[in-house]
Protein backbone atom coordinates (compact mmCIF):
# COMPACT_ATOMS: atom_id res chain seq x y z
CA UNK A 1 39.98 -53.58 5.02
CA UNK A 2 36.63 -52.30 4.05
CA UNK A 3 36.23 -48.68 5.11
CA UNK A 4 32.75 -48.10 3.76
CA UNK A 5 30.84 -50.34 6.15
CA UNK A 6 28.22 -48.28 8.02
CA UNK A 7 28.80 -50.31 11.16
CA UNK A 8 32.50 -49.40 11.16
CA UNK A 9 33.85 -48.16 14.46
CA UNK A 10 34.43 -44.46 15.02
CA UNK A 11 38.20 -44.76 14.71
CA UNK A 12 39.95 -47.06 12.24
CA UNK A 13 43.59 -47.84 12.10
CA UNK A 14 45.32 -48.26 8.67
CA UNK A 15 48.87 -48.52 7.41
CA UNK A 16 50.59 -45.16 7.00
CA UNK A 17 51.13 -46.03 3.30
CA UNK A 18 47.38 -46.09 2.74
CA UNK A 19 46.94 -42.74 4.48
CA UNK A 20 49.87 -41.23 2.77
CA UNK A 21 48.38 -42.19 -0.56
CA UNK A 22 45.26 -40.11 0.26
CA UNK A 23 47.10 -37.16 1.88
CA UNK A 24 49.19 -36.57 -1.27
CA UNK A 25 46.06 -35.79 -3.25
CA UNK A 26 45.41 -32.63 -1.19
CA UNK A 27 47.07 -29.27 -1.81
CA UNK A 28 48.54 -29.03 1.69
CA UNK A 29 50.59 -32.29 1.41
CA UNK A 30 51.01 -32.44 -2.44
CA UNK A 31 54.70 -31.20 -2.35
CA UNK A 32 55.84 -33.40 0.61
CA UNK A 33 58.49 -35.96 -0.07
CA UNK A 34 57.59 -39.61 0.63
CA UNK A 35 59.49 -39.78 3.91
CA UNK A 36 57.73 -36.70 5.29
CA UNK A 37 54.39 -37.80 4.04
CA UNK A 38 54.78 -41.17 5.79
CA UNK A 39 55.73 -39.36 8.98
CA UNK A 40 52.54 -37.33 8.82
CA UNK A 41 50.48 -40.42 7.96
CA UNK A 42 51.80 -42.31 10.99
CA UNK A 43 50.23 -39.65 13.19
CA UNK A 44 46.79 -39.86 11.55
CA UNK A 45 43.84 -42.27 11.73
CA UNK A 46 40.60 -42.94 9.88
CA UNK A 47 37.46 -41.79 11.54
CA UNK A 48 33.80 -42.34 10.63
CA UNK A 49 30.73 -40.19 11.12
CA UNK A 50 27.04 -40.84 10.49
CA UNK A 51 25.10 -38.44 8.30
CA UNK A 52 23.74 -35.45 10.25
CA UNK A 53 26.60 -35.48 12.71
CA UNK A 54 28.06 -31.95 13.53
CA UNK A 55 31.79 -32.50 13.22
CA UNK A 56 32.94 -28.83 13.63
CA UNK A 57 30.98 -25.90 15.16
CA UNK A 58 31.49 -22.25 14.27
CA UNK A 59 33.12 -20.46 17.21
CA UNK A 60 34.51 -23.57 18.88
CA UNK A 61 38.28 -23.95 19.39
CA UNK A 62 39.85 -25.91 16.63
CA UNK A 63 41.84 -29.04 17.62
CA UNK A 64 41.98 -31.14 14.43
CA UNK A 65 41.69 -31.09 10.68
CA UNK A 66 40.31 -33.80 8.46
CA UNK A 67 40.57 -35.05 4.91
CA UNK A 68 37.46 -36.49 3.37
CA UNK A 69 37.94 -40.06 2.10
CA UNK A 70 34.32 -40.90 1.30
CA UNK A 71 31.09 -38.97 1.57
CA UNK A 72 30.26 -35.26 1.73
CA UNK A 73 29.90 -32.51 4.25
CA UNK A 74 27.88 -29.33 4.29
CA UNK A 75 29.52 -26.13 5.49
CA UNK A 76 27.46 -23.43 7.23
CA UNK A 77 28.17 -19.92 8.26
CA UNK A 78 26.00 -18.11 10.82
CA UNK A 79 24.14 -14.98 9.74
CA UNK A 80 21.65 -12.82 11.61
CA UNK A 81 18.94 -14.60 9.84
CA UNK A 82 20.27 -18.02 10.77
CA UNK A 83 22.74 -20.60 9.42
CA UNK A 84 23.36 -20.53 5.64
CA UNK A 85 24.76 -23.45 3.70
CA UNK A 86 27.68 -22.01 1.72
CA UNK A 87 29.22 -25.20 0.43
CA UNK A 88 29.14 -28.99 -0.03
CA UNK A 89 32.55 -30.55 0.00
CA UNK A 90 33.49 -34.10 -0.97
CA UNK A 91 36.22 -36.53 -1.55
CA UNK A 92 39.86 -35.47 -0.92
CA UNK A 93 38.96 -32.03 0.48
CA UNK A 94 40.73 -30.90 3.59
CA UNK A 95 38.70 -29.11 6.26
CA UNK A 96 39.74 -27.35 9.53
CA UNK A 97 43.40 -26.92 8.70
CA UNK A 98 43.62 -23.80 10.90
CA UNK A 99 42.75 -25.91 13.95
CA UNK A 100 45.89 -27.98 13.56
CA UNK A 101 48.30 -25.15 14.38
CA UNK A 102 46.29 -22.54 16.28
CA UNK A 103 43.63 -22.17 18.97
CA UNK A 104 41.60 -19.82 16.81
CA UNK A 105 37.84 -20.49 16.74
CA UNK A 106 36.23 -22.27 13.85
CA UNK A 107 35.04 -19.92 11.12
CA UNK A 108 32.22 -22.27 9.96
CA UNK A 109 30.10 -25.28 11.11
CA UNK A 110 30.64 -28.53 9.30
CA UNK A 111 27.96 -31.25 9.27
CA UNK A 112 28.19 -34.66 7.71
CA UNK A 113 25.87 -34.75 4.74
CA UNK A 114 26.24 -38.51 4.27
CA UNK A 115 27.97 -41.31 5.93
CA UNK A 116 31.55 -40.04 6.15
CA UNK A 117 35.01 -41.50 6.31
CA UNK A 118 37.91 -39.07 6.96
CA UNK A 119 41.50 -38.97 7.82
CA UNK A 120 41.68 -37.09 11.11
CA UNK A 121 44.81 -35.00 11.80
CA UNK A 122 45.11 -34.13 15.48
CA UNK A 123 46.75 -30.92 16.64
CA UNK A 124 48.74 -32.64 19.37
CA UNK A 125 50.15 -35.11 16.84
CA UNK A 126 51.13 -32.42 14.40
CA UNK A 127 52.88 -30.38 17.11
CA UNK A 128 55.05 -33.45 17.99
CA UNK A 129 55.71 -34.06 14.33
CA UNK A 130 56.82 -30.47 13.52
CA UNK A 131 59.10 -30.39 16.51
CA UNK A 132 60.83 -33.48 15.21
CA UNK A 133 60.69 -32.39 11.54
CA UNK A 134 60.85 -28.56 11.37
CA UNK A 135 60.82 -28.63 7.60
CA UNK A 136 57.33 -30.21 7.59
CA UNK A 137 55.91 -27.50 9.84
CA UNK A 138 57.54 -24.66 7.79
CA UNK A 139 56.05 -26.15 4.53
CA UNK A 140 52.62 -26.66 6.06
CA UNK A 141 52.48 -23.26 7.76
CA UNK A 142 53.57 -21.49 4.55
CA UNK A 143 50.95 -23.12 2.44
CA UNK A 144 48.29 -22.92 5.21
CA UNK A 145 48.90 -19.20 5.82
CA UNK A 146 48.05 -18.39 2.23
CA UNK A 147 45.15 -20.65 1.96
CA UNK A 148 43.63 -19.59 5.35
CA UNK A 149 44.10 -15.93 4.66
CA UNK A 150 42.34 -16.29 1.31
CA UNK A 151 39.58 -18.43 2.80
CA UNK A 152 39.00 -16.37 5.77
CA UNK A 153 39.05 -13.16 3.69
CA UNK A 154 36.45 -14.72 1.43
CA UNK A 155 34.21 -15.97 4.22
CA UNK A 156 34.41 -12.56 5.97
CA UNK A 157 33.33 -10.97 2.70
CA UNK A 158 30.61 -13.58 2.19
CA UNK A 159 29.18 -12.81 5.59
CA UNK A 160 29.41 -9.10 4.95
CA UNK A 161 27.65 -9.47 1.55
CA UNK A 162 24.98 -11.85 2.88
CA UNK A 163 24.17 -9.59 5.75
CA UNK A 164 24.04 -6.61 3.40
CA UNK A 165 21.65 -8.61 1.21
CA UNK A 166 19.40 -9.24 4.20
CA UNK A 167 19.34 -5.60 4.81
CA UNK A 168 18.65 -4.81 1.12
CA UNK A 169 21.95 -3.08 0.95
CA UNK A 170 24.42 -4.81 -1.41
CA UNK A 171 27.20 -3.89 -3.82
CA UNK A 172 26.86 -5.32 -7.27
CA UNK A 173 30.64 -5.40 -7.72
CA UNK A 174 31.13 -7.32 -4.50
CA UNK A 175 28.47 -9.83 -5.51
CA UNK A 176 30.21 -10.30 -8.86
CA UNK A 177 33.55 -10.94 -7.21
CA UNK A 178 32.05 -13.44 -4.75
CA UNK A 179 30.21 -15.40 -7.42
CA UNK A 180 33.17 -15.43 -9.92
CA UNK A 181 35.55 -17.71 -8.10
CA UNK A 182 37.54 -20.72 -9.30
CA UNK A 183 39.65 -23.46 -7.74
CA UNK A 184 39.32 -23.90 -4.05
CA UNK A 185 36.67 -21.26 -3.80
CA UNK A 186 34.49 -22.50 -6.74
CA UNK A 187 32.11 -24.60 -4.61
CA UNK A 188 31.69 -21.66 -2.10
CA UNK A 189 31.07 -19.31 -5.04
CA UNK A 190 28.36 -21.61 -6.50
CA UNK A 191 26.73 -21.85 -3.07
CA UNK A 192 26.77 -18.12 -2.66
CA UNK A 193 25.35 -17.57 -6.12
CA UNK A 194 22.34 -19.60 -5.01
CA UNK A 195 22.11 -17.85 -1.79
CA UNK A 196 22.41 -14.42 -3.46
CA UNK A 197 19.76 -15.29 -6.03
CA UNK A 198 17.42 -16.38 -3.17
CA UNK A 199 18.09 -13.16 -1.18
CA UNK A 200 17.59 -10.99 -4.32
CA UNK A 201 14.26 -12.75 -4.96
CA UNK A 202 13.39 -12.15 -1.29
CA UNK A 203 14.26 -8.43 -1.80
CA UNK A 204 12.12 -8.29 -4.93
CA UNK A 205 9.21 -9.74 -2.96
CA UNK A 206 9.73 -7.11 -0.28
CA UNK A 207 9.79 -4.36 -2.90
CA UNK A 208 6.51 -5.83 -4.36
CA UNK A 209 5.04 -5.87 -0.87
CA UNK A 210 6.04 -2.28 -0.35
CA UNK A 211 4.42 -1.28 -3.63
CA UNK A 212 1.29 -3.30 -2.76
CA UNK A 213 1.12 -1.60 0.66
CA UNK A 214 1.39 1.87 -0.95
CA UNK A 215 -1.47 1.05 -3.27
CA UNK A 216 -3.54 -0.32 -0.40
CA UNK A 217 -2.97 2.69 1.75
CA UNK A 218 -3.52 5.11 -1.05
CA UNK A 219 -7.10 4.00 -1.69
CA UNK A 220 -8.19 4.37 1.92
CA UNK A 221 -10.50 7.38 2.44
CA UNK A 222 -9.74 10.44 4.45
CA UNK A 223 -11.81 11.23 7.49
CA UNK A 224 -15.07 13.05 6.63
CA UNK A 225 -15.11 16.74 7.43
CA UNK A 226 -17.16 18.00 10.46
CA UNK A 227 -19.43 19.99 8.16
CA UNK A 228 -20.17 16.66 6.35
CA UNK A 229 -20.90 14.82 9.61
CA UNK A 230 -22.92 17.54 11.28
CA UNK A 231 -23.27 15.47 14.45
CA UNK A 232 -25.38 12.85 12.78
CA UNK A 233 -23.00 9.92 13.18
CA UNK A 234 -19.56 8.79 14.40
CA UNK A 235 -17.38 6.69 12.01
CA UNK A 236 -13.93 5.32 12.50
CA UNK A 237 -11.91 2.62 10.66
CA UNK A 238 -8.43 1.09 10.74
CA UNK A 239 -6.69 -1.35 8.53
CA UNK A 240 -3.43 -3.11 9.64
CA UNK A 241 -1.80 -4.89 6.69
CA UNK A 242 -0.19 -8.23 7.13
CA UNK A 243 3.46 -8.70 6.27
CA UNK A 244 2.40 -10.46 3.04
CA UNK A 245 -0.11 -7.62 2.22
CA UNK A 246 -3.54 -9.10 1.66
CA UNK A 247 -6.54 -7.47 -0.06
CA UNK A 248 -8.50 -5.78 2.70
CA UNK A 249 -9.81 -2.29 2.18
CA UNK A 250 -12.58 -0.04 3.57
CA UNK A 251 -14.38 2.98 2.18
CA UNK A 252 -16.94 5.51 3.26
CA UNK A 253 -18.38 8.49 1.47
CA UNK A 254 -21.53 10.68 1.29
CA UNK A 255 -23.96 10.76 -1.62
CA UNK A 256 -26.13 13.90 -1.93
CA UNK A 257 -25.05 14.81 1.59
CA UNK A 258 -27.64 12.46 3.18
CA UNK A 259 -26.71 8.97 2.09
CA UNK A 260 -23.71 7.45 3.78
CA UNK A 261 -21.99 4.62 1.95
CA UNK A 262 -19.84 2.21 3.95
CA UNK A 263 -17.80 -0.68 2.64
CA UNK A 264 -15.48 -3.31 4.05
CA UNK A 265 -13.93 -5.81 1.57
CA UNK A 266 -11.36 -8.52 1.27
CA UNK A 267 -9.83 -9.37 -2.10
CA UNK A 268 -8.55 -12.92 -2.66
CA UNK A 269 -4.74 -13.26 -3.09
CA UNK A 270 -1.75 -11.25 -1.86
CA UNK A 271 0.69 -8.61 -3.16
CA UNK A 272 0.43 -6.48 -6.27
CA UNK A 273 -2.39 -8.46 -7.96
CA UNK A 274 -4.56 -8.19 -4.87
CA UNK A 275 -3.80 -4.55 -4.37
CA UNK A 276 -4.66 -3.69 -7.97
CA UNK A 277 -7.93 -5.65 -7.90
CA UNK A 278 -8.66 -3.83 -4.64
CA UNK A 279 -8.17 -0.48 -6.23
CA UNK A 280 -10.43 -1.46 -9.19
CA UNK A 281 -13.11 -2.78 -6.73
CA UNK A 282 -13.17 0.49 -4.81
CA UNK A 283 -13.46 2.47 -7.98
CA UNK A 284 -16.30 0.25 -9.30
CA UNK A 285 -18.18 0.59 -6.00
CA UNK A 286 -18.05 4.29 -6.00
CA UNK A 287 -19.10 4.49 -9.59
CA UNK A 288 -22.26 2.42 -9.08
CA UNK A 289 -23.32 3.68 -5.70
CA UNK A 290 -25.21 6.66 -7.02
CA UNK A 291 -27.80 4.33 -8.56
CA UNK A 292 -31.05 4.47 -6.48
CA UNK A 293 -31.72 0.81 -7.51
CA UNK A 294 -29.18 -0.77 -5.19
CA UNK A 295 -29.79 -4.40 -6.47
CA UNK A 296 -29.06 -3.23 -10.04
CA UNK A 297 -26.00 -1.33 -8.86
CA UNK A 298 -24.59 -4.43 -7.14
CA UNK A 299 -25.23 -6.57 -10.18
CA UNK A 300 -23.49 -3.97 -12.32
CA UNK A 301 -20.46 -3.98 -9.92
CA UNK A 302 -20.31 -7.75 -10.03
CA UNK A 303 -20.48 -7.71 -13.94
CA UNK A 304 -17.64 -5.13 -14.08
CA UNK A 305 -15.44 -7.07 -11.67
CA UNK A 306 -16.09 -10.37 -13.47
CA UNK A 307 -15.26 -9.01 -16.91
CA UNK A 308 -11.86 -9.87 -18.25
CA UNK A 309 -11.01 -11.39 -14.83
CA UNK A 310 -8.42 -13.80 -16.28
CA UNK A 311 -6.68 -14.15 -12.82
CA UNK A 312 -9.96 -15.52 -11.42
CA UNK A 313 -9.77 -13.12 -8.51
CA UNK A 314 -12.80 -12.27 -6.44
CA UNK A 315 -13.70 -9.99 -3.52
CA UNK A 316 -15.93 -10.55 -0.48
CA UNK A 317 -17.67 -7.32 0.43
CA UNK A 318 -20.26 -5.74 2.69
CA UNK A 319 -21.63 -2.58 1.17
CA UNK A 320 -24.26 -0.55 3.07
CA UNK A 321 -26.20 2.66 2.37
CA UNK A 322 -27.33 4.47 5.48
CA UNK A 323 -30.14 7.14 5.11
CA UNK A 324 -29.06 9.69 7.66
CA UNK A 325 -32.57 11.19 7.80
CA UNK A 326 -34.21 8.11 9.22
CA UNK A 327 -31.58 5.43 10.06
CA UNK A 328 -32.61 3.11 7.26
CA UNK A 329 -29.74 0.83 6.30
CA UNK A 330 -29.86 -1.00 2.99
CA UNK A 331 -27.08 -3.42 2.43
CA UNK A 332 -25.57 -6.16 0.23
CA UNK A 333 -23.34 -8.70 1.83
CA UNK A 334 -21.42 -10.45 -0.96
CA UNK A 335 -19.98 -13.36 0.94
CA UNK A 336 -18.31 -11.30 3.61
CA UNK A 337 -18.19 -11.74 7.34
CA UNK A 338 -21.53 -10.80 8.74
CA UNK A 339 -21.28 -7.35 10.38
CA UNK A 340 -22.90 -6.73 13.80
CA UNK A 341 -25.71 -4.25 14.50
CA UNK A 342 -25.07 -3.14 18.02
CA UNK A 343 -28.31 -1.94 19.57
CA UNK A 344 -28.25 0.75 22.29
CA UNK A 345 -29.88 -1.69 24.68
CA UNK A 346 -27.10 -4.29 24.29
CA UNK A 347 -28.72 -6.56 21.69
CA UNK A 348 -26.66 -7.79 18.79
CA UNK A 349 -27.79 -8.69 15.21
CA UNK A 350 -25.84 -10.24 12.43
CA UNK A 351 -26.35 -9.03 8.80
CA UNK A 352 -25.84 -12.23 6.85
CA UNK A 353 -24.92 -12.84 3.19
CA UNK A 354 -27.20 -11.76 0.46
CA UNK A 355 -25.02 -13.13 -2.39
CA UNK A 356 -21.69 -14.67 -3.28
CA UNK A 357 -18.42 -12.76 -3.65
CA UNK A 358 -18.10 -10.38 -6.58
CA UNK A 359 -16.10 -11.65 -9.52
CA UNK A 360 -17.27 -15.31 -9.47
CA UNK A 361 -20.48 -15.39 -11.40
CA UNK A 362 -21.29 -12.29 -13.52
CA UNK A 363 -25.01 -13.17 -13.60
CA UNK A 364 -25.62 -13.61 -9.91
CA UNK A 365 -28.85 -11.95 -8.72
CA UNK A 366 -27.81 -10.04 -5.65
CA UNK A 367 -30.50 -9.45 -2.95
CA UNK A 368 -30.70 -6.27 -0.96
CA UNK A 369 -31.78 -6.49 2.67
CA UNK A 370 -32.38 -3.70 5.12
CA UNK A 371 -32.59 -2.79 8.78
CA UNK A 372 -33.15 0.44 10.71
CA UNK A 373 -30.70 2.03 13.05
CA UNK A 374 -32.23 3.90 16.01
CA UNK A 375 -30.46 6.78 17.69
CA UNK A 376 -27.41 5.34 19.57
CA UNK A 377 -27.24 2.12 17.58
CA UNK A 378 -24.00 1.01 16.11
CA UNK A 379 -22.59 -1.00 13.14
CA UNK A 380 -19.43 -2.95 13.38
CA UNK A 381 -17.83 -4.19 10.13
CA UNK A 382 -14.61 -6.33 10.06
CA UNK A 383 -12.53 -8.66 7.97
CA UNK A 384 -11.64 -12.28 8.70
CA UNK A 385 -8.20 -11.01 9.77
CA UNK A 386 -9.89 -10.26 13.18
CA UNK A 387 -11.52 -13.55 13.88
CA UNK A 388 -8.70 -15.51 12.25
CA UNK A 389 -5.87 -13.73 14.05
CA UNK A 390 -3.71 -16.34 15.65
CA UNK A 391 -1.41 -16.51 18.59
CA UNK A 392 2.04 -18.17 18.90
CA UNK A 393 0.38 -21.58 19.42
CA UNK A 394 -1.70 -21.04 16.19
CA UNK A 395 -4.99 -20.72 18.15
CA UNK A 396 -7.52 -18.29 16.57
CA UNK A 397 -9.08 -15.14 18.17
CA UNK A 398 -12.43 -16.47 17.04
CA UNK A 399 -15.97 -15.13 17.03
CA UNK A 400 -16.54 -15.64 20.76
CA UNK A 401 -13.64 -13.43 21.79
CA UNK A 402 -14.82 -10.74 19.38
CA UNK A 403 -18.34 -10.82 20.78
CA UNK A 404 -16.88 -10.65 24.29
CA UNK A 405 -15.09 -7.45 23.36
CA UNK A 406 -18.24 -6.03 21.69
CA UNK A 407 -20.29 -6.82 24.86
CA UNK A 408 -17.64 -5.15 27.09
CA UNK A 409 -17.66 -2.07 24.77
CA UNK A 410 -21.33 -1.22 25.07
CA UNK A 411 -21.86 2.50 24.87
CA UNK A 412 -18.38 3.23 23.37
CA UNK A 413 -17.88 5.63 20.50
CA UNK A 414 -16.78 4.46 17.11
CA UNK A 415 -13.00 5.08 17.57
CA UNK A 416 -13.01 3.60 21.06
CA UNK A 417 -14.76 0.42 19.85
CA UNK A 418 -12.26 -0.05 16.99
CA UNK A 419 -9.34 0.57 19.35
CA UNK A 420 -10.68 -1.99 21.90
CA UNK A 421 -11.09 -4.72 19.31
CA UNK A 422 -7.61 -4.11 17.83
CA UNK A 423 -5.95 -4.04 21.24
CA UNK A 424 -7.68 -7.26 22.25
CA UNK A 425 -6.62 -8.87 18.94
CA UNK A 426 -3.00 -7.70 19.34
CA UNK A 427 -2.89 -8.84 22.94
CA UNK A 428 -4.19 -12.26 21.96
CA UNK A 429 -1.69 -12.60 19.09
CA UNK A 430 1.19 -11.97 21.47
CA UNK A 431 3.51 -10.80 18.69
CA UNK A 432 2.79 -13.58 16.25
CA UNK A 433 3.06 -12.38 12.63
CA UNK A 434 -0.26 -12.45 11.01
CA UNK A 435 -0.93 -13.90 7.54
CA UNK A 436 -3.94 -11.71 6.81
CA UNK A 437 -4.83 -8.04 7.00
CA UNK A 438 -6.79 -6.87 10.05
CA UNK A 439 -9.55 -4.41 9.29
CA UNK A 440 -12.51 -2.99 11.10
CA UNK A 441 -14.97 -0.13 10.81
CA UNK A 442 -17.34 1.19 13.42
CA UNK A 443 -20.35 3.45 12.88
CA UNK A 444 -22.62 4.94 15.55
CA UNK A 445 -25.95 6.55 14.34
CA UNK A 446 -26.51 9.58 16.63
CA UNK A 447 -29.48 11.56 15.30
CA UNK A 448 -31.40 12.44 12.19
CA UNK A 449 -30.22 15.60 10.31
CA UNK A 450 -32.34 18.47 11.64
CA UNK A 451 -32.35 20.07 8.19
CA UNK A 452 -34.26 17.04 6.79
CA UNK A 453 -36.91 16.83 9.43
């Protein structure tokens, strides 16, 4: 008969001789004499499964074993992070032996990788057979006990090691043991080697993200001292890094005690490269901001960030200089989200782009625009992590929701405004992991410095 036909029934009968010839190729039945082998074969049948069928499920009670005749199966174990494929088994491999003689739960899930033909060995049949032929049962149990003990010990160690890898806590000696297996465990060892490599790479990425986060946090400015502020303005900023660590940063500092520089920027890319370019960008902006010719300063910054930029990174940036004596705000918007001027009477104005992001074209002529902040007016700067924050359905927070929060926050101080925006964004996201940093800075101009009047 043809056993490989895909339209074959789920159970196929075959002569015991044919089944015995396959059983003898497996370690469990290899030492059986012909009479015993035929007795076992008489209790077995061929079964077929389509690819993708779950044949055994981890935790279920075992009631049968099977020997693969044609096709392959994938073996999965359940870890806290989800199921992990630990092996692919093929022709003449026996699976689920423990279920033939005990009611213990399955230690792994087995799924047909391809169309599958197996010899199915039922628990009830084997119980009848061993009652009639005790020598068969003794032989099987002796071999099975050793094999199962080794396999279950290895699976337990595999789970322990994999869970430790997930927690970034692993023992190099244990990994070496698990990946240096031969014989029956060789395929499991190969699978674990791949899984271990993937988890180690994941750990390395996490280490890189931690380092990037440390760089990102280290360049953020400290709050200005009260003697520097002197009641002239309120300023507050927060930056919440995404899991992947983007390139957001903010900065503020005083020049000659009367010029307040404010910056919010977003570097292209993620991880260490973005954080390093971010640190360079901050240093460059601080170094050029003392130039009274702001247009020349911005062009110089762009030239410096474009020079030797082999990674082709760029940074969108809003950089403003507020004269605290009269509220005059000069600014350059290098391709960044337009900030909002929040007038005391409730009006809102956008400060649009005056050039392209820094690092793209080293000869770009940046324009400087200006506006005037009156007493009580505010300035709200943000990164696209605010408007592009998404919820569990992948809907974005958007500009309208941001403007609704700004409208509802009229008259708020700088810290309260930032807090309201961040709370609204977080409530909208509903726990969804964000792919981009979330940054905002609020400034409220209170009054001119009496010493300069």
